[in-house]
């Protein structure tokens, strides 16, 4: 989601899931249910009573002495929702109306001189999807009444697009509220001035009031991760310029690919020249590839499909790396394909999900196992791993969601309970190491588990949303009818207005 480098994950060997850490209330292996579907904990070979079901408010349910092969452990969906509410209550209590909560000091934090309501807007569709009706109504009413983008602040084009513009559009489509679309249109118009460059590549920062731009060095992810949001805004408002300008930026990156069809990590919007020529799937490149495929899925844009297929072949040829029989994707020179670093990180862990969408389940499964192995090294994923040595290079864990996203896609596609087991390990690690009295804190280094005073809005929009959807019945969200953005905002296809 963010174009800044995120952590990675790990694990190939099957083993029984570990017991839950502090705060995880219902172990998966202890889940049983009454005939009426009520959830409760059960121990092997023990009868339990479930209140509120059957005659006199009780019905008996038995757990046999072996693990039940339930297709889904719904109690973990309840657990994920409870953890979401724990963090949400902390935000409401200590930072309501501000961009973020500092979960250790229990204080608010704004990105700029004035709040943009980043957490409420980014989290709104998650509140809706999790069925938190009272919280969703309160948040929606507050956003409609208080959100304003007529502010003299220079904002990061990419982050505001994926978090705020995407959040407003998804919530509008889920609720039908025209006021949310009006806010999206106002914000989109202000952000679109970032595209005023000699190449059509957007400037990194744009002032929401004046339109002034700054910082010419950008990257493929920040340039190419705009089309789903601006394209949907274009379809909903009937303003083709939104789609055209975002697609032009995407194509501008593609046209500057190397002779072996790879892109670099940094580019100058004034000249179109690459300033960093190392290629990989990690931060600063990652979601550029994701949006080529998803733009084809959402809009039926055949140009995006062709661009994706060109890059896909180069990615598998030059970045894929077989080590110990495991599949990884490392770093390489964009011009020669020469391996430069055997690094894989949490931002790279989005790629199994993309492979699922592309129909390549074999690679998706193998790469997810590699990522899971990385997660298991320390109980949370590190930011960057040397996968040949299996040593942490960057130890931070800023609450990255990508490996959970990939588990969700793999489970929805395959139904394999392996990915539910992974999800349980992810949830347990978060609760054990990251949970605080007021929410969840980023980790400075997974080797020490020291917490830092930061809780990004994507804790709600991605991590806990994906965990809930992973464990919930498929009917909780119609994935086939939506395309999830890089911030996990669900967008529905809208016919182009003529």
Protein backbone atom coordinates (compact mmCIF):
# COMPACT_ATOMS: atom_id res chain seq x y z
CA UNK A 1 0.00 0.00 0.00
CA UNK A 2 2.51 2.62 0.92
CA UNK A 3 5.29 3.15 -1.56
CA UNK A 4 7.77 3.32 1.30
CA UNK A 5 9.52 -0.02 1.96
CA UNK A 6 7.45 -2.39 4.13
CA UNK A 7 8.39 -5.60 5.99
CA UNK A 8 8.37 -9.19 4.77
CA UNK A 9 7.16 -12.57 6.01
CA UNK A 10 8.06 -16.27 6.14
CA UNK A 11 7.39 -20.02 6.51
CA UNK A 12 7.10 -23.22 4.52
CA UNK A 13 6.95 -26.14 6.96
CA UNK A 14 3.52 -27.19 8.14
CA UNK A 15 3.12 -27.36 11.89
CA UNK A 16 0.31 -27.01 14.42
CA UNK A 17 -0.55 -23.32 14.92
CA UNK A 18 0.91 -21.89 18.12
CA UNK A 19 -1.24 -21.20 21.13
CA UNK A 20 -2.67 -17.71 21.27
CA UNK A 21 -0.74 -14.89 22.83
CA UNK A 22 -2.09 -12.34 25.31
CA UNK A 23 -5.34 -10.76 24.17
CA UNK A 24 -6.32 -13.45 21.66
CA UNK A 25 -9.39 -14.85 23.35
CA UNK A 26 -10.48 -17.83 21.25
CA UNK A 27 -7.91 -20.39 20.04
CA UNK A 28 -8.82 -21.84 16.63
CA UNK A 29 -8.42 -25.43 17.77
CA UNK A 30 -10.83 -24.80 20.64
CA UNK A 31 -13.68 -23.55 18.48
CA UNK A 32 -16.94 -25.45 18.30
CA UNK A 33 -20.50 -24.40 17.64
CA UNK A 34 -23.97 -25.30 18.71
CA UNK A 35 -26.47 -26.69 16.20
CA UNK A 36 -27.88 -23.18 16.00
CA UNK A 37 -24.53 -21.74 14.99
CA UNK A 38 -23.60 -20.01 18.24
CA UNK A 39 -19.85 -19.80 18.78
CA UNK A 40 -18.13 -20.92 21.93
CA UNK A 41 -14.86 -22.40 23.08
CA UNK A 42 -14.58 -26.14 23.51
CA UNK A 43 -11.85 -28.44 24.80
CA UNK A 44 -11.20 -31.92 23.41
CA UNK A 45 -13.67 -34.61 24.55
CA UNK A 46 -15.60 -32.19 26.75
CA UNK A 47 -19.25 -31.17 26.63
CA UNK A 48 -19.99 -27.45 26.78
CA UNK A 49 -23.18 -25.45 27.11
CA UNK A 50 -24.04 -22.54 24.89
CA UNK A 51 -26.44 -19.96 26.37
CA UNK A 52 -29.25 -18.61 24.28
CA UNK A 53 -29.83 -21.58 22.00
CA UNK A 54 -32.55 -24.21 22.10
CA UNK A 55 -35.02 -25.14 24.88
CA UNK A 56 -34.55 -23.21 28.12
CA UNK A 57 -31.84 -21.20 26.40
CA UNK A 58 -29.37 -24.11 26.16
CA UNK A 59 -28.27 -26.79 23.76
CA UNK A 60 -25.38 -29.19 24.11
CA UNK A 61 -22.49 -29.34 21.68
CA UNK A 62 -19.56 -31.77 21.82
CA UNK A 63 -16.00 -31.49 20.61
CA UNK A 64 -14.45 -34.82 19.67
CA UNK A 65 -10.84 -35.60 20.50
CA UNK A 66 -9.44 -34.59 17.10
CA UNK A 67 -9.45 -31.30 15.29
CA UNK A 68 -12.69 -30.54 13.49
CA UNK A 69 -12.16 -29.97 9.76
CA UNK A 70 -14.47 -26.95 9.66
CA UNK A 71 -14.24 -25.08 6.38
CA UNK A 72 -13.98 -21.82 8.29
CA UNK A 73 -13.37 -20.89 11.92
CA UNK A 74 -15.91 -18.08 12.33
CA UNK A 75 -14.88 -17.31 15.90
CA UNK A 76 -11.69 -15.83 14.48
CA UNK A 77 -13.81 -13.40 12.46
CA UNK A 78 -15.38 -12.36 15.75
CA UNK A 79 -11.90 -12.05 17.23
CA UNK A 80 -10.65 -9.91 14.33
CA UNK A 81 -13.68 -7.64 14.69
CA UNK A 82 -13.04 -7.35 18.43
CA UNK A 83 -9.45 -6.30 17.81
CA UNK A 84 -10.67 -3.78 15.22
CA UNK A 85 -13.08 -2.33 17.77
CA UNK A 86 -10.36 -2.20 20.41
CA UNK A 87 -8.23 0.00 18.16
CA UNK A 88 -11.21 2.01 16.95
CA UNK A 89 -12.30 2.80 20.51
CA UNK A 90 -8.79 3.99 21.23
CA UNK A 91 -8.87 6.27 18.21
CA UNK A 92 -12.31 7.61 19.14
CA UNK A 93 -11.29 8.24 22.74
CA UNK A 94 -7.89 9.84 22.18
CA UNK A 95 -7.69 11.17 18.60
CA UNK A 96 -11.18 11.62 17.17
CA UNK A 97 -11.18 14.13 14.31
CA UNK A 98 -7.43 13.85 13.77
CA UNK A 99 -5.46 11.97 11.14
CA UNK A 100 -4.02 9.28 13.42
CA UNK A 101 -3.68 8.04 16.97
CA UNK A 102 -0.35 7.72 18.75
CA UNK A 103 -1.07 4.42 20.51
CA UNK A 104 1.57 4.66 23.25
CA UNK A 105 1.19 8.28 24.31
CA UNK A 106 -2.57 8.17 23.59
CA UNK A 107 -2.36 11.44 21.71
CA UNK A 108 -3.54 12.59 18.28
CA UNK A 109 -1.28 13.17 15.30
CA UNK A 110 -2.03 15.14 12.14
CA UNK A 111 -0.03 14.72 8.95
CA UNK A 112 -0.01 18.42 8.14
CA UNK A 113 -0.87 21.74 9.79
CA UNK A 114 -4.56 20.85 9.63
CA UNK A 115 -6.31 17.52 9.88
CA UNK A 116 -7.58 15.81 6.73
CA UNK A 117 -9.55 13.18 8.71
CA UNK A 118 -7.32 10.46 7.30
CA UNK A 119 -8.30 7.68 9.69
CA UNK A 120 -12.09 8.29 9.55
CA UNK A 121 -12.11 8.44 5.75
CA UNK A 122 -9.68 5.56 5.27
CA UNK A 123 -11.57 3.36 7.75
CA UNK A 124 -15.18 4.12 6.79
CA UNK A 125 -15.71 1.32 4.28
CA UNK A 126 -14.12 -1.14 6.74
CA UNK A 127 -16.63 -0.09 9.40
CA UNK A 128 -19.39 -0.77 6.87
CA UNK A 129 -18.02 -4.14 5.75
CA UNK A 130 -17.53 -5.33 9.33
CA UNK A 131 -21.16 -4.53 10.07
CA UNK A 132 -20.35 -1.87 12.66
CA UNK A 133 -23.43 0.16 11.82
CA UNK A 134 -23.38 2.67 14.69
CA UNK A 135 -19.70 3.42 14.25
CA UNK A 136 -20.09 3.69 10.48
CA UNK A 137 -23.00 6.13 10.78
CA UNK A 138 -21.18 8.29 13.31
CA UNK A 139 -18.06 8.37 11.14
CA UNK A 140 -19.91 9.04 7.91
CA UNK A 141 -21.91 11.88 9.49
CA UNK A 142 -18.72 13.39 10.90
CA UNK A 143 -16.87 13.17 7.59
CA UNK A 144 -19.72 14.75 5.64
CA UNK A 145 -20.05 17.56 8.17
CA UNK A 146 -16.38 18.29 8.77
CA UNK A 147 -14.18 17.17 5.88
CA UNK A 148 -12.73 20.02 3.86
CA UNK A 149 -9.87 20.04 1.39
CA UNK A 150 -9.69 23.80 0.88
CA UNK A 151 -6.51 23.91 2.92
CA UNK A 152 -3.18 25.59 2.30
CA UNK A 153 -1.16 22.41 2.76
CA UNK A 154 1.16 20.52 0.41
CA UNK A 155 0.13 16.88 0.49
CA UNK A 156 1.65 13.74 -0.94
CA UNK A 157 -0.28 13.01 -4.12
CA UNK A 158 0.00 9.23 -3.80
CA UNK A 159 -0.95 8.82 -0.14
CA UNK A 160 -3.91 11.20 -0.27
CA UNK A 161 -5.16 9.51 -3.43
CA UNK A 162 -5.07 5.95 -2.12
CA UNK A 163 -6.26 6.70 1.41
CA UNK A 164 -8.70 9.60 1.09
CA UNK A 165 -9.86 9.66 -2.52
CA UNK A 166 -10.16 5.87 -2.58
CA UNK A 167 -11.89 5.83 0.79
CA UNK A 168 -14.46 8.43 -0.24
CA UNK A 169 -15.22 6.65 -3.51
CA UNK A 170 -15.61 3.21 -1.92
CA UNK A 171 -17.82 4.55 0.86
CA UNK A 172 -19.94 6.40 -1.69
CA UNK A 173 -20.45 3.22 -3.68
CA UNK A 174 -21.33 1.25 -0.54
CA UNK A 175 -23.79 3.84 0.80
CA UNK A 176 -24.97 5.81 -2.22
CA UNK A 177 -24.30 9.03 -0.30
CA UNK A 178 -23.85 11.82 -2.90
CA UNK A 179 -22.06 14.02 -0.36
CA UNK A 180 -19.18 11.57 -0.26
CA UNK A 181 -18.90 11.70 -4.04
CA UNK A 182 -18.96 15.51 -3.93
CA UNK A 183 -16.05 15.44 -1.48
CA UNK A 184 -14.21 13.00 -3.74
CA UNK A 185 -14.75 15.22 -6.78
CA UNK A 186 -13.48 18.27 -4.90
CA UNK A 187 -10.41 16.40 -3.68
CA UNK A 188 -9.75 14.84 -7.09
CA UNK A 189 -9.82 18.23 -8.76
CA UNK A 190 -7.28 19.59 -6.31
CA UNK A 191 -4.99 16.56 -6.59
CA UNK A 192 -5.15 16.46 -10.38
CA UNK A 193 -3.05 19.61 -10.60
CA UNK A 194 -0.11 17.39 -9.67
CA UNK A 195 -0.18 16.02 -13.24
CA UNK A 196 0.93 19.40 -14.62
CA UNK A 197 4.48 18.36 -15.51
CA UNK A 198 6.40 18.24 -18.81
CA UNK A 199 6.05 14.43 -18.91
CA UNK A 200 2.58 14.00 -17.45
CA UNK A 201 4.13 12.22 -14.48
CA UNK A 202 2.62 13.68 -11.28
CA UNK A 203 4.70 15.73 -8.88
CA UNK A 204 5.21 14.13 -5.48
CA UNK A 205 3.50 16.97 -3.58
CA UNK A 206 0.67 19.33 -4.51
CA UNK A 207 -0.84 22.18 -2.49
CA UNK A 208 -4.56 21.57 -2.07
CA UNK A 209 -5.42 25.29 -2.12
CA UNK A 210 -2.94 26.87 -4.51
CA UNK A 211 -2.04 23.95 -6.77
CA UNK A 212 1.67 24.61 -6.24
CA UNK A 213 3.77 21.51 -6.82
CA UNK A 214 7.14 20.34 -5.54
CA UNK A 215 9.57 17.40 -5.39
CA UNK A 216 10.24 16.17 -8.91
CA UNK A 217 11.80 12.82 -7.98
CA UNK A 218 9.05 10.22 -7.80
CA UNK A 219 8.75 6.51 -8.49
CA UNK A 220 6.62 4.03 -10.45
CA UNK A 221 4.41 3.12 -7.49
CA UNK A 222 3.50 6.70 -6.66
CA UNK A 223 2.97 7.51 -10.35
CA UNK A 224 1.17 4.32 -11.32
CA UNK A 225 -1.07 3.77 -8.30
CA UNK A 226 -3.65 6.41 -9.17
CA UNK A 227 -5.72 5.01 -12.03
CA UNK A 228 -8.23 2.94 -10.04
CA UNK A 229 -9.18 5.97 -7.94
CA UNK A 230 -9.09 8.64 -10.63
CA UNK A 231 -10.66 6.26 -13.14
CA UNK A 232 -13.57 5.48 -10.84
CA UNK A 233 -14.01 9.18 -10.10
CA UNK A 234 -14.07 9.82 -13.84
CA UNK A 235 -16.78 7.20 -14.40
CA UNK A 236 -18.91 8.43 -11.51
CA UNK A 237 -18.70 12.12 -12.42
CA UNK A 238 -18.56 11.87 -16.21
CA UNK A 239 -15.29 13.82 -16.28
CA UNK A 240 -12.92 11.96 -18.63
CA UNK A 241 -9.91 14.11 -17.73
CA UNK A 242 -9.54 12.26 -14.44
CA UNK A 243 -9.10 8.93 -16.21
CA UNK A 244 -7.01 10.30 -19.04
CA UNK A 245 -4.45 12.06 -16.87
CA UNK A 246 -3.96 9.13 -14.51
CA UNK A 247 -3.62 6.70 -17.41
CA UNK A 248 -1.17 9.00 -19.20
CA UNK A 249 1.07 8.87 -16.12
CA UNK A 250 0.88 5.08 -16.03
CA UNK A 251 1.76 4.81 -19.70
CA UNK A 252 4.61 7.30 -19.26
CA UNK A 253 6.29 4.89 -16.85
CA UNK A 254 5.72 1.92 -19.15
CA UNK A 255 7.18 3.73 -22.15
CA UNK A 256 10.37 4.32 -20.19
CA UNK A 257 10.90 0.65 -19.32
CA UNK A 258 14.25 -0.86 -20.15
CA UNK A 259 15.00 -3.07 -23.13
CA UNK A 260 14.35 -6.11 -20.93
CA UNK A 261 10.97 -4.63 -19.81
CA UNK A 262 11.85 -3.70 -16.22
CA UNK A 263 11.45 -0.33 -14.50
CA UNK A 264 13.65 1.43 -11.98
CA UNK A 265 12.94 2.73 -8.49
CA UNK A 266 13.03 6.51 -9.05
CA UNK A 267 12.27 8.85 -11.94
CA UNK A 268 12.32 12.63 -12.56
CA UNK A 269 8.93 14.06 -13.57
CA UNK A 270 10.58 16.95 -15.40
CA UNK A 271 12.71 14.87 -17.75
CA UNK A 272 11.40 11.32 -17.52
CA UNK A 273 14.92 10.12 -16.75
CA UNK A 274 15.51 7.31 -14.29
CA UNK A 275 17.48 8.39 -11.21
CA UNK A 276 17.64 4.87 -9.69
CA UNK A 277 17.91 1.87 -11.99
CA UNK A 278 17.56 -1.04 -9.57
CA UNK A 279 14.41 -3.09 -10.17
CA UNK A 280 12.36 -5.20 -7.76
CA UNK A 281 8.82 -5.79 -6.48
CA UNK A 282 9.25 -3.82 -3.28
CA UNK A 283 8.47 -0.27 -2.18
CA UNK A 284 8.47 2.41 -4.87
CA UNK A 285 7.65 -0.10 -7.64
CA UNK A 286 5.21 -2.64 -6.15
CA UNK A 287 1.71 -1.26 -6.78
CA UNK A 288 2.59 0.03 -10.26
CA UNK A 289 2.41 -3.59 -11.39
CA UNK A 290 -0.66 -4.23 -9.24
CA UNK A 291 -2.62 -1.40 -10.88
CA UNK A 292 -1.82 -2.47 -14.43
CA UNK A 293 -3.62 -5.76 -13.78
CA UNK A 294 -6.39 -4.30 -11.65
CA UNK A 295 -7.14 -1.48 -14.11
CA UNK A 296 -7.80 -4.11 -16.72
CA UNK A 297 -10.02 -6.00 -14.26
CA UNK A 298 -11.98 -2.90 -13.22
CA UNK A 299 -12.20 -0.92 -16.44
CA UNK A 300 -11.57 -3.54 -19.12
CA UNK A 301 -8.64 -1.43 -20.34
CA UNK A 302 -6.79 -3.63 -22.83
CA UNK A 303 -3.77 -1.32 -22.87
CA UNK A 304 -3.28 -2.04 -19.17
CA UNK A 305 -3.58 -5.78 -19.79
CA UNK A 306 -0.90 -5.69 -22.48
CA UNK A 307 1.42 -3.61 -20.31
CA UNK A 308 0.94 -6.03 -17.42
CA UNK A 309 1.67 -9.07 -19.57
CA UNK A 310 4.86 -7.50 -20.89
CA UNK A 311 6.11 -6.73 -17.39
CA UNK A 312 4.95 -10.08 -16.02
CA UNK A 313 7.26 -12.01 -18.32
CA UNK A 314 10.22 -9.81 -17.34
CA UNK A 315 9.44 -10.14 -13.62
CA UNK A 316 9.46 -13.94 -13.76
CA UNK A 317 12.55 -14.02 -15.97
CA UNK A 318 14.77 -11.53 -14.14
CA UNK A 319 13.49 -11.11 -10.56
CA UNK A 320 12.39 -14.63 -9.60
CA UNK A 321 14.96 -16.54 -7.56
CA UNK A 322 14.96 -20.21 -6.54
CA UNK A 323 16.72 -20.79 -3.22
CA UNK A 324 16.58 -24.07 -1.26
CA UNK A 325 13.64 -25.07 -3.43
CA UNK A 326 11.75 -21.93 -2.35
CA UNK A 327 10.47 -19.17 -4.63
CA UNK A 328 11.54 -15.60 -3.89
CA UNK A 329 11.73 -12.40 -5.94
CA UNK A 330 14.85 -10.30 -5.49
CA UNK A 331 16.51 -7.15 -6.82
CA UNK A 332 18.14 -6.80 -10.23
CA UNK A 333 19.63 -4.24 -12.57
CA UNK A 334 16.80 -2.92 -14.75
CA UNK A 335 19.00 -2.90 -17.86
CA UNK A 336 20.84 -6.20 -17.62
CA UNK A 337 18.77 -8.33 -15.24
CA UNK A 338 21.87 -8.99 -13.14
CA UNK A 339 20.97 -9.93 -9.55
CA UNK A 340 21.95 -7.09 -7.24
CA UNK A 341 20.52 -8.07 -3.85
CA UNK A 342 18.73 -11.17 -2.51
CA UNK A 343 16.16 -9.08 -0.66
CA UNK A 344 12.45 -9.64 -0.17
CA UNK A 345 10.22 -7.55 2.10
CA UNK A 346 6.68 -7.02 3.29
CA UNK A 347 5.86 -4.73 0.40
CA UNK A 348 6.91 -7.56 -1.93
CA UNK A 349 4.39 -9.78 -0.14
CA UNK A 350 1.56 -8.20 -2.15
CA UNK A 351 2.66 -10.24 -5.15
CA UNK A 352 0.99 -13.58 -4.30
CA UNK A 353 -2.35 -11.74 -4.34
CA UNK A 354 -1.58 -10.32 -7.78
CA UNK A 355 -0.58 -13.78 -8.99
CA UNK A 356 -3.92 -15.13 -7.77
CA UNK A 357 -5.74 -12.45 -9.76
CA UNK A 358 -3.62 -13.39 -12.75
CA UNK A 359 -4.51 -17.07 -12.40
CA UNK A 360 -1.02 -18.26 -11.45
CA UNK A 361 -1.83 -20.26 -8.32
CA UNK A 362 1.34 -22.33 -8.32
CA UNK A 363 3.65 -19.33 -8.02
CA UNK A 364 1.22 -17.60 -5.63
CA UNK A 365 1.22 -20.56 -3.24
CA UNK A 366 4.99 -20.99 -3.32
CA UNK A 367 5.72 -17.32 -2.78
CA UNK A 368 3.23 -17.09 0.07
CA UNK A 369 4.99 -19.99 1.79
CA UNK A 370 8.27 -18.13 1.48
CA UNK A 371 6.71 -15.06 2.99
CA UNK A 372 5.18 -17.06 5.82
CA UNK A 373 8.58 -18.54 6.62
CA UNK A 374 9.89 -15.00 6.97
CA UNK A 375 7.07 -14.06 9.33
CA UNK A 376 7.85 -17.03 11.53
CA UNK A 377 11.51 -16.09 12.03
CA UNK A 378 10.62 -13.66 14.81
CA UNK A 379 6.83 -13.77 15.21
CA UNK A 380 6.23 -10.68 13.05
CA UNK A 381 7.57 -9.91 9.60
CA UNK A 382 10.67 -7.74 9.21
CA UNK A 383 10.80 -4.87 6.76
CA UNK A 384 13.52 -6.48 4.65
CA UNK A 385 15.07 -9.95 4.67
CA UNK A 386 18.14 -11.40 2.99
CA UNK A 387 16.42 -14.59 1.85
CA UNK A 388 19.62 -16.44 1.00
CA UNK A 389 21.04 -16.01 4.49
CA UNK A 390 17.59 -15.80 6.15
CA UNK A 391 18.78 -12.79 8.11
CA UNK A 392 16.92 -9.59 8.83
CA UNK A 393 18.28 -6.56 6.99
CA UNK A 394 15.61 -4.07 8.06
CA UNK A 395 13.84 -5.03 11.26
CA UNK A 396 10.97 -2.55 11.44
CA UNK A 397 7.35 -3.68 11.33
CA UNK A 398 5.15 -0.65 10.56
CA UNK A 399 1.96 -2.76 10.64
CA UNK A 400 2.21 -3.87 7.01
CA UNK A 401 -0.81 -5.70 5.57
CA UNK A 402 0.40 -7.30 2.33
CA UNK A 403 1.02 -10.85 3.48
CA UNK A 404 -2.45 -10.93 5.06
CA UNK A 405 -3.94 -9.61 1.84
CA UNK A 406 -2.29 -12.45 -0.07
CA UNK A 407 -3.57 -15.05 2.39
CA UNK A 408 -7.07 -13.66 1.88
CA UNK A 409 -6.89 -13.92 -1.91
CA UNK A 410 -5.41 -17.40 -1.78
CA UNK A 411 -8.06 -18.68 0.58
CA UNK A 412 -10.89 -17.16 -1.43
CA UNK A 413 -9.55 -18.77 -4.58
CA UNK A 414 -8.56 -22.19 -3.22
CA UNK A 415 -10.55 -22.74 -0.02
CA UNK A 416 -7.38 -24.25 1.45
CA UNK A 417 -7.47 -24.07 5.28
CA UNK A 418 -3.70 -23.57 5.18
CA UNK A 419 -4.40 -19.86 4.70
CA UNK A 420 -6.75 -19.75 7.67
CA UNK A 421 -3.91 -21.19 9.74
CA UNK A 422 -1.63 -18.46 8.42
CA UNK A 423 -4.24 -15.84 9.26
CA UNK A 424 -4.48 -17.09 12.79
CA UNK A 425 -0.71 -16.85 13.20
CA UNK A 426 -0.78 -13.30 11.80
CA UNK A 427 -3.56 -12.26 14.16
CA UNK A 428 -1.87 -13.85 17.14
CA UNK A 429 1.43 -12.10 16.34
CA UNK A 430 -0.26 -8.73 16.07
CA UNK A 431 -2.06 -9.14 19.37
CA UNK A 432 0.94 -10.52 21.21
CA UNK A 433 3.54 -8.03 20.06
CA UNK A 434 1.75 -4.92 18.79
CA UNK A 435 -1.39 -4.46 20.88
CA UNK A 436 -1.47 -1.58 23.37
CA UNK A 437 -4.06 -0.20 25.78
CA UNK A 438 -5.27 2.18 23.08
CA UNK A 439 -4.73 0.29 19.83
CA UNK A 440 -1.81 -1.29 17.99
CA UNK A 441 1.71 0.09 17.71
CA UNK A 442 4.28 -0.24 14.98
CA UNK A 443 7.40 -2.20 15.92
CA UNK A 444 10.84 -0.62 15.78
CA UNK A 445 12.61 -3.95 15.26
CA UNK A 446 11.11 -7.44 15.27
CA UNK A 447 14.29 -8.79 16.86
CA UNK A 448 13.56 -6.81 20.03
CA UNK A 449 9.80 -6.13 19.64
CA UNK A 450 10.27 -2.57 20.88
CA UNK A 451 7.14 -0.57 20.05
CA UNK A 452 7.02 2.85 18.39
CA UNK A 453 4.32 5.46 18.92
CA UNK A 454 2.63 5.10 15.52
CA UNK A 455 -0.61 3.55 14.28
CA UNK A 456 -1.26 4.15 10.59
CA UNK A 457 -4.80 4.39 9.23
CA UNK A 458 -4.26 1.26 7.16
CA UNK A 459 -4.49 -0.78 10.36
CA UNK A 460 -8.24 -0.36 9.81
CA UNK A 461 -8.49 -0.13 6.04
CA UNK A 462 -6.24 -3.13 5.39
CA UNK A 463 -4.81 -5.27 8.20
CA UNK A 464 -7.87 -5.86 10.37
CA UNK A 465 -10.27 -5.68 7.44
CA UNK A 466 -8.38 -8.40 5.57
CA UNK A 467 -8.16 -10.55 8.70
CA UNK A 468 -11.90 -10.25 9.26
CA UNK A 469 -12.71 -11.06 5.64
CA UNK A 470 -10.28 -13.99 5.66
CA UNK A 471 -12.14 -15.64 8.55
CA UNK A 472 -15.68 -14.50 7.71
CA UNK A 473 -18.00 -16.37 5.31
CA UNK A 474 -17.49 -15.46 1.65
CA UNK A 475 -20.93 -13.84 1.74
CA UNK A 476 -19.52 -11.08 3.97
CA UNK A 477 -18.01 -9.46 0.87
CA UNK A 478 -18.59 -10.07 -2.83
CA UNK A 479 -15.01 -10.06 -4.09
CA UNK A 480 -16.09 -11.00 -7.61
CA UNK A 481 -18.12 -7.78 -7.89
CA UNK A 482 -15.32 -5.49 -6.70
CA UNK A 483 -11.69 -4.65 -7.26
CA UNK A 484 -9.80 -3.83 -4.09
CA UNK A 485 -7.40 -0.92 -4.38
CA UNK A 486 -3.89 -1.01 -2.95
CA UNK A 487 -5.45 0.43 0.24
CA UNK A 488 -8.13 -2.31 0.17
CA UNK A 489 -10.93 0.08 -0.76
CA UNK A 490 -13.59 -1.88 -2.69
CA UNK A 491 -14.50 -0.32 -6.03
CA UNK A 492 -17.23 -1.49 -8.39
CA UNK A 493 -17.10 -1.20 -12.14
CA UNK A 494 -19.00 1.80 -13.49
CA UNK A 495 -19.86 2.10 -17.20
CA UNK A 496 -18.22 5.04 -18.93
CA UNK A 497 -20.65 7.91 -19.48
CA UNK A 498 -21.04 8.97 -23.07
